[in-house]
């Protein structure tokens, strides 16, 4: 099964994504390619595949991405061949991508399951963005405006099966794991029944 997890910056989606990956046997996290610079905390092949613009352009040209997008001046893409291979092996493949990427993936793989992580409210999201203490207020406000836009698009695009409000992280993790397990169990039962 292909699982798409999306949500705006600061909503807790990466923590939820990694928890679902850890909890579900035979799950794999799709590592995106990016043109953004590698930080000291980043691990090549674990967090991202770091490539330059020329390599990214070549991969776009040859159709090697399932989806790709530009975000805050950097480019990100999901390698198609790896995802296809993992799905053929019966794995739960997890993509943590933005709304535009999710729309592109769902067009190609309509049976993909989409979860969108929401903040309890806008002020909580703004507070979380500030609490990360990674950026100045101008960048925070830009991310906040982008988040509002993303949420609106997610709610109207028809790609997401579940909207998960992250009030308390541990509860949201448990809920996400339970939902994914339930969906996989139902699909497996239908497949065995030949439906």
C-alpha atoms as a PDB file:
ATOM      1  CA  UNK A   1       0.000   0.000   0.000  1.00  0.00           C
ATOM      2  CA  UNK A   2       1.153   3.513  -0.761  1.00  0.00           C
ATOM      3  CA  UNK A   3       0.591   5.931   2.121  1.00  0.00           C
ATOM      4  CA  UNK A   4       0.842   9.678   1.648  1.00  0.00           C
ATOM      5  CA  UNK A   5       1.276  11.830   4.754  1.00  0.00           C
ATOM      6  CA  UNK A   6       1.099  15.590   4.334  1.00  0.00           C
ATOM      7  CA  UNK A   7       0.684  18.659   6.476  1.00  0.00           C
ATOM      8  CA  UNK A   8       2.101  22.134   6.864  1.00  0.00           C
ATOM      9  CA  UNK A   9       5.445  22.948   8.483  1.00  0.00           C
ATOM     10  CA  UNK A  10       5.318  22.694  12.270  1.00  0.00           C
ATOM     11  CA  UNK A  11       2.301  20.397  12.480  1.00  0.00           C
ATOM     12  CA  UNK A  12       4.210  17.269  13.592  1.00  0.00           C
ATOM     13  CA  UNK A  13       3.895  15.265  10.379  1.00  0.00           C
ATOM     14  CA  UNK A  14       7.492  14.028  10.355  1.00  0.00           C
ATOM     15  CA  UNK A  15       7.192  12.670  13.895  1.00  0.00           C
ATOM     16  CA  UNK A  16       3.907  10.973  12.990  1.00  0.00           C
ATOM     17  CA  UNK A  17       5.383   9.613   9.743  1.00  0.00           C
ATOM     18  CA  UNK A  18       8.395   8.111  11.507  1.00  0.00           C
ATOM     19  CA  UNK A  19       6.172   6.605  14.222  1.00  0.00           C
ATOM     20  CA  UNK A  20       3.939   4.925  11.636  1.00  0.00           C
ATOM     21  CA  UNK A  21       7.037   3.591   9.899  1.00  0.00           C
ATOM     22  CA  UNK A  22       8.412   2.197  13.171  1.00  0.00           C
ATOM     23  CA  UNK A  23       5.091   0.630  14.187  1.00  0.00           C
ATOM     24  CA  UNK A  24       4.169  -1.069  10.922  1.00  0.00           C
ATOM     25  CA  UNK A  25       6.078  -4.167   9.968  1.00  0.00           C
ATOM     26  CA  UNK A  26       7.234  -4.228   6.346  1.00  0.00           C
ATOM     27  CA  UNK A  27       6.955  -0.454   6.007  1.00  0.00           C
ATOM     28  CA  UNK A  28       9.545   1.667   4.240  1.00  0.00           C
ATOM     29  CA  UNK A  29       9.965   5.420   4.093  1.00  0.00           C
ATOM     30  CA  UNK A  30      10.507   6.898   0.649  1.00  0.00           C
ATOM     31  CA  UNK A  31      13.581   9.094   0.734  1.00  0.00           C
ATOM     32  CA  UNK A  32      13.158  12.117  -1.542  1.00  0.00           C
ATOM     33  CA  UNK A  33      15.799  13.736  -3.679  1.00  0.00           C
ATOM     34  CA  UNK A  34      16.435  17.404  -2.936  1.00  0.00           C
ATOM     35  CA  UNK A  35      18.542  20.273  -4.173  1.00  0.00           C
ATOM     36  CA  UNK A  36      18.662  21.897  -0.743  1.00  0.00           C
ATOM     37  CA  UNK A  37      22.023  21.950   1.013  1.00  0.00           C
ATOM     38  CA  UNK A  38      22.774  19.163   3.446  1.00  0.00           C
ATOM     39  CA  UNK A  39      22.848  20.252   7.089  1.00  0.00           C
ATOM     40  CA  UNK A  40      25.001  18.758   9.839  1.00  0.00           C
ATOM     41  CA  UNK A  41      21.958  16.856  11.126  1.00  0.00           C
ATOM     42  CA  UNK A  42      21.076  15.351   7.730  1.00  0.00           C
ATOM     43  CA  UNK A  43      22.016  11.812   6.786  1.00  0.00           C
ATOM     44  CA  UNK A  44      22.448  11.068   3.076  1.00  0.00           C
ATOM     45  CA  UNK A  45      20.055   8.326   1.968  1.00  0.00           C
ATOM     46  CA  UNK A  46      18.136   8.473   5.256  1.00  0.00           C
ATOM     47  CA  UNK A  47      16.732  11.995   5.352  1.00  0.00           C
ATOM     48  CA  UNK A  48      17.229  12.860   1.669  1.00  0.00           C
ATOM     49  CA  UNK A  49      19.286  12.081  -1.403  1.00  0.00           C
ATOM     50  CA  UNK A  50      21.165  15.355  -1.919  1.00  0.00           C
ATOM     51  CA  UNK A  51      21.663  16.184  -5.602  1.00  0.00           C
ATOM     52  CA  UNK A  52      22.496  19.291  -7.594  1.00  0.00           C
ATOM     53  CA  UNK A  53      20.192  21.148  -9.970  1.00  0.00           C
ATOM     54  CA  UNK A  54      21.678  19.501 -13.070  1.00  0.00           C
ATOM     55  CA  UNK A  55      21.014  15.992 -11.726  1.00  0.00           C
ATOM     56  CA  UNK A  56      17.498  17.024 -10.676  1.00  0.00           C
ATOM     57  CA  UNK A  57      16.802  18.468 -14.147  1.00  0.00           C
ATOM     58  CA  UNK A  58      18.012  15.231 -15.750  1.00  0.00           C
ATOM     59  CA  UNK A  59      15.724  13.133 -13.522  1.00  0.00           C
ATOM     60  CA  UNK A  60      12.749  15.350 -14.428  1.00  0.00           C
ATOM     61  CA  UNK A  61      13.603  15.092 -18.130  1.00  0.00           C
ATOM     62  CA  UNK A  62      13.809  11.282 -18.046  1.00  0.00           C
ATOM     63  CA  UNK A  63      10.621  10.855 -15.993  1.00  0.00           C
ATOM     64  CA  UNK A  64      12.372   9.404 -12.962  1.00  0.00           C
ATOM     65  CA  UNK A  65      10.166  11.215 -10.427  1.00  0.00           C
ATOM     66  CA  UNK A  66       6.731  10.072  -9.326  1.00  0.00           C
ATOM     67  CA  UNK A  67       6.231  13.693  -8.292  1.00  0.00           C
ATOM     68  CA  UNK A  68       8.427  16.733  -7.868  1.00  0.00           C
ATOM     69  CA  UNK A  69       7.964  20.284  -6.664  1.00  0.00           C
ATOM     70  CA  UNK A  70       9.696  23.469  -5.670  1.00  0.00           C
ATOM     71  CA  UNK A  71       9.287  24.523  -2.048  1.00  0.00           C
ATOM     72  CA  UNK A  72      10.797  27.735  -0.633  1.00  0.00           C
ATOM     73  CA  UNK A  73      13.369  27.909  -3.423  1.00  0.00           C
ATOM     74  CA  UNK A  74      14.484  24.270  -3.181  1.00  0.00           C
ATOM     75  CA  UNK A  75      13.332  21.288  -5.235  1.00  0.00           C
ATOM     76  CA  UNK A  76      12.168  17.914  -3.995  1.00  0.00           C
ATOM     77  CA  UNK A  77      11.215  14.753  -5.864  1.00  0.00           C
ATOM     78  CA  UNK A  78      10.101  11.182  -5.162  1.00  0.00           C
ATOM     79  CA  UNK A  79      12.085   8.556  -7.124  1.00  0.00           C
ATOM     80  CA  UNK A  80       9.544   6.490  -9.110  1.00  0.00           C
ATOM     81  CA  UNK A  81      11.538   3.251  -9.604  1.00  0.00           C
ATOM     82  CA  UNK A  82      12.223   2.724  -5.906  1.00  0.00           C
ATOM     83  CA  UNK A  83       8.563   3.263  -4.938  1.00  0.00           C
ATOM     84  CA  UNK A  84       7.349   0.885  -7.663  1.00  0.00           C
ATOM     85  CA  UNK A  85       9.862  -1.773  -6.618  1.00  0.00           C
ATOM     86  CA  UNK A  86       8.894  -1.585  -2.931  1.00  0.00           C
ATOM     87  CA  UNK A  87       5.174  -1.773  -3.750  1.00  0.00           C
ATOM     88  CA  UNK A  88       5.794  -4.856  -5.923  1.00  0.00           C
ATOM     89  CA  UNK A  89       7.456  -6.472  -2.889  1.00  0.00           C
ATOM     90  CA  UNK A  90       4.261  -5.930  -0.864  1.00  0.00           C
ATOM     91  CA  UNK A  91       5.681  -3.174   1.338  1.00  0.00           C
ATOM     92  CA  UNK A  92       3.846  -0.283   2.947  1.00  0.00           C
ATOM     93  CA  UNK A  93       5.557   2.646   1.221  1.00  0.00           C
ATOM     94  CA  UNK A  94       5.271   5.952   3.087  1.00  0.00           C
ATOM     95  CA  UNK A  95       5.617   9.264   1.274  1.00  0.00           C
ATOM     96  CA  UNK A  96       5.865  12.471   3.283  1.00  0.00           C
ATOM     97  CA  UNK A  97       5.092  15.032   0.592  1.00  0.00           C
ATOM     98  CA  UNK A  98       3.273  18.323   0.100  1.00  0.00           C
ATOM     99  CA  UNK A  99      -0.251  18.715  -1.242  1.00  0.00           C
ATOM    100  CA  UNK A 100       0.792  19.340  -4.853  1.00  0.00           C
ATOM    101  CA  UNK A 101       2.926  16.197  -4.775  1.00  0.00           C
ATOM    102  CA  UNK A 102       0.051  14.224  -3.261  1.00  0.00           C
ATOM    103  CA  UNK A 103      -2.270  15.365  -6.058  1.00  0.00           C
ATOM    104  CA  UNK A 104       0.273  14.232  -8.668  1.00  0.00           C
ATOM    105  CA  UNK A 105       0.801  10.841  -6.989  1.00  0.00           C
ATOM    106  CA  UNK A 106      -2.921  10.179  -6.527  1.00  0.00           C
ATOM    107  CA  UNK A 107      -3.495  10.766 -10.266  1.00  0.00           C
ATOM    108  CA  UNK A 108      -0.956   8.036 -11.031  1.00  0.00           C
ATOM    109  CA  UNK A 109      -1.783   5.695  -8.139  1.00  0.00           C
ATOM    110  CA  UNK A 110      -5.457   6.288  -7.252  1.00  0.00           C
ATOM    111  CA  UNK A 111      -5.474   3.547  -4.602  1.00  0.00           C
ATOM    112  CA  UNK A 112      -2.902   5.463  -2.517  1.00  0.00           C
ATOM    113  CA  UNK A 113      -4.165   6.412   0.950  1.00  0.00           C
ATOM    114  CA  UNK A 114      -3.778  10.038   2.028  1.00  0.00           C
ATOM    115  CA  UNK A 115      -3.545  11.385   5.577  1.00  0.00           C
ATOM    116  CA  UNK A 116      -3.344  15.133   6.120  1.00  0.00           C
ATOM    117  CA  UNK A 117      -2.138  16.306   9.528  1.00  0.00           C
ATOM    118  CA  UNK A 118      -3.822  19.470  10.781  1.00  0.00           C
ATOM    119  CA  UNK A 119      -3.003  21.776  13.689  1.00  0.00           C
ATOM    120  CA  UNK A 120      -5.738  22.252  16.314  1.00  0.00           C
ATOM    121  CA  UNK A 121      -6.042  25.866  15.127  1.00  0.00           C
ATOM    122  CA  UNK A 122      -4.009  28.548  13.357  1.00  0.00           C
ATOM    123  CA  UNK A 123      -2.629  30.152  16.515  1.00  0.00           C
ATOM    124  CA  UNK A 124      -1.289  26.797  17.738  1.00  0.00           C
ATOM    125  CA  UNK A 125       0.432  26.283  14.391  1.00  0.00           C
ATOM    126  CA  UNK A 126       1.974  29.754  14.513  1.00  0.00           C
ATOM    127  CA  UNK A 127       3.178  29.057  18.051  1.00  0.00           C
ATOM    128  CA  UNK A 128       4.742  25.748  16.968  1.00  0.00           C
ATOM    129  CA  UNK A 129       6.546  27.418  14.074  1.00  0.00           C
ATOM    130  CA  UNK A 130       7.980  30.016  16.458  1.00  0.00           C
ATOM    131  CA  UNK A 131       8.892  27.399  19.094  1.00  0.00           C
ATOM    132  CA  UNK A 132      11.114  25.563  16.614  1.00  0.00           C
ATOM    133  CA  UNK A 133      13.407  28.632  16.771  1.00  0.00           C
ATOM    134  CA  UNK A 134      14.879  27.809  13.372  1.00  0.00           C
ATOM    135  CA  UNK A 135      13.941  30.923  11.434  1.00  0.00           C
ATOM    136  CA  UNK A 136      13.338  34.625  11.780  1.00  0.00           C
ATOM    137  CA  UNK A 137       9.818  36.087  11.950  1.00  0.00           C
ATOM    138  CA  UNK A 138       9.713  36.917   8.227  1.00  0.00           C
ATOM    139  CA  UNK A 139      10.314  33.282   7.275  1.00  0.00           C
ATOM    140  CA  UNK A 140       7.880  32.097   9.953  1.00  0.00           C
ATOM    141  CA  UNK A 141       5.157  34.343   8.536  1.00  0.00           C
ATOM    142  CA  UNK A 142       5.883  33.064   5.030  1.00  0.00           C
ATOM    143  CA  UNK A 143       5.611  29.459   6.249  1.00  0.00           C
ATOM    144  CA  UNK A 144       2.403  30.319   8.105  1.00  0.00           C
ATOM    145  CA  UNK A 145       0.831  31.837   4.965  1.00  0.00           C
ATOM    146  CA  UNK A 146       1.913  28.776   2.958  1.00  0.00           C
ATOM    147  CA  UNK A 147       0.417  26.499   5.642  1.00  0.00           C
ATOM    148  CA  UNK A 148      -2.953  28.230   5.429  1.00  0.00           C
ATOM    149  CA  UNK A 149      -2.897  27.827   1.644  1.00  0.00           C
ATOM    150  CA  UNK A 150      -1.899  24.142   1.902  1.00  0.00           C
ATOM    151  CA  UNK A 151      -4.681  23.380   4.376  1.00  0.00           C
ATOM    152  CA  UNK A 152      -7.268  25.005   2.133  1.00  0.00           C
ATOM    153  CA  UNK A 153      -6.062  23.068  -0.928  1.00  0.00           C
ATOM    154  CA  UNK A 154      -5.902  19.790   1.006  1.00  0.00           C
ATOM    155  CA  UNK A 155      -9.479  20.174   2.198  1.00  0.00           C
ATOM    156  CA  UNK A 156     -10.804  20.808  -1.300  1.00  0.00           C
ATOM    157  CA  UNK A 157      -8.665  18.602  -3.593  1.00  0.00           C
ATOM    158  CA  UNK A 158     -10.218  15.211  -2.799  1.00  0.00           C
ATOM    159  CA  UNK A 159      -6.867  13.454  -2.329  1.00  0.00           C
ATOM    160  CA  UNK A 160      -6.954  12.864   1.426  1.00  0.00           C
ATOM    161  CA  UNK A 161      -8.918  10.048   3.053  1.00  0.00           C
ATOM    162  CA  UNK A 162      -8.250  11.220   6.611  1.00  0.00           C
ATOM    163  CA  UNK A 163      -7.713  14.613   8.247  1.00  0.00           C
ATOM    164  CA  UNK A 164      -5.901  14.049  11.531  1.00  0.00           C
ATOM    165  CA  UNK A 165      -5.907  16.949  13.999  1.00  0.00           C
ATOM    166  CA  UNK A 166      -2.666  16.850  16.007  1.00  0.00           C
ATOM    167  CA  UNK A 167      -3.675  18.169  19.429  1.00  0.00           C
ATOM    168  CA  UNK A 168      -1.528  15.828  21.527  1.00  0.00           C
ATOM    169  CA  UNK A 169       1.322  14.201  19.619  1.00  0.00           C
ATOM    170  CA  UNK A 170       1.203  10.789  21.346  1.00  0.00           C
ATOM    171  CA  UNK A 171      -2.553  10.534  20.725  1.00  0.00           C
ATOM    172  CA  UNK A 172      -2.119  11.540  17.082  1.00  0.00           C
ATOM    173  CA  UNK A 173       0.630   8.957  16.591  1.00  0.00           C
ATOM    174  CA  UNK A 174      -1.571   6.218  18.074  1.00  0.00           C
ATOM    175  CA  UNK A 175      -4.488   7.317  15.923  1.00  0.00           C
ATOM    176  CA  UNK A 176      -2.400   7.350  12.722  1.00  0.00           C
ATOM    177  CA  UNK A 177      -0.940   3.902  13.419  1.00  0.00           C
ATOM    178  CA  UNK A 178      -4.414   2.533  14.194  1.00  0.00           C
ATOM    179  CA  UNK A 179      -5.906   4.005  11.017  1.00  0.00           C
ATOM    180  CA  UNK A 180      -3.159   2.651   8.774  1.00  0.00           C
ATOM    181  CA  UNK A 181      -3.420  -0.784  10.394  1.00  0.00           C
ATOM    182  CA  UNK A 182      -7.211  -0.787   9.950  1.00  0.00           C
ATOM    183  CA  UNK A 183      -7.007   0.248   6.278  1.00  0.00           C
ATOM    184  CA  UNK A 184      -4.366  -2.395   5.531  1.00  0.00           C
ATOM    185  CA  UNK A 185      -6.380  -5.088   7.305  1.00  0.00           C
ATOM    186  CA  UNK A 186      -9.532  -4.192   5.342  1.00  0.00           C
ATOM    187  CA  UNK A 187      -7.663  -4.179   2.038  1.00  0.00           C
ATOM    188  CA  UNK A 188      -6.015  -7.494   2.818  1.00  0.00           C
ATOM    189  CA  UNK A 189      -9.397  -9.049   3.731  1.00  0.00           C
ATOM    190  CA  UNK A 190     -10.953  -7.774   0.487  1.00  0.00           C
ATOM    191  CA  UNK A 191      -8.013  -9.079  -1.532  1.00  0.00           C
ATOM    192  CA  UNK A 192      -8.334 -12.539   0.073  1.00  0.00           C
ATOM    193  CA  UNK A 193     -12.086 -12.497  -0.632  1.00  0.00           C
ATOM    194  CA  UNK A 194     -11.374 -11.546  -4.253  1.00  0.00           C
ATOM    195  CA  UNK A 195     -13.278  -8.279  -4.032  1.00  0.00           C
END
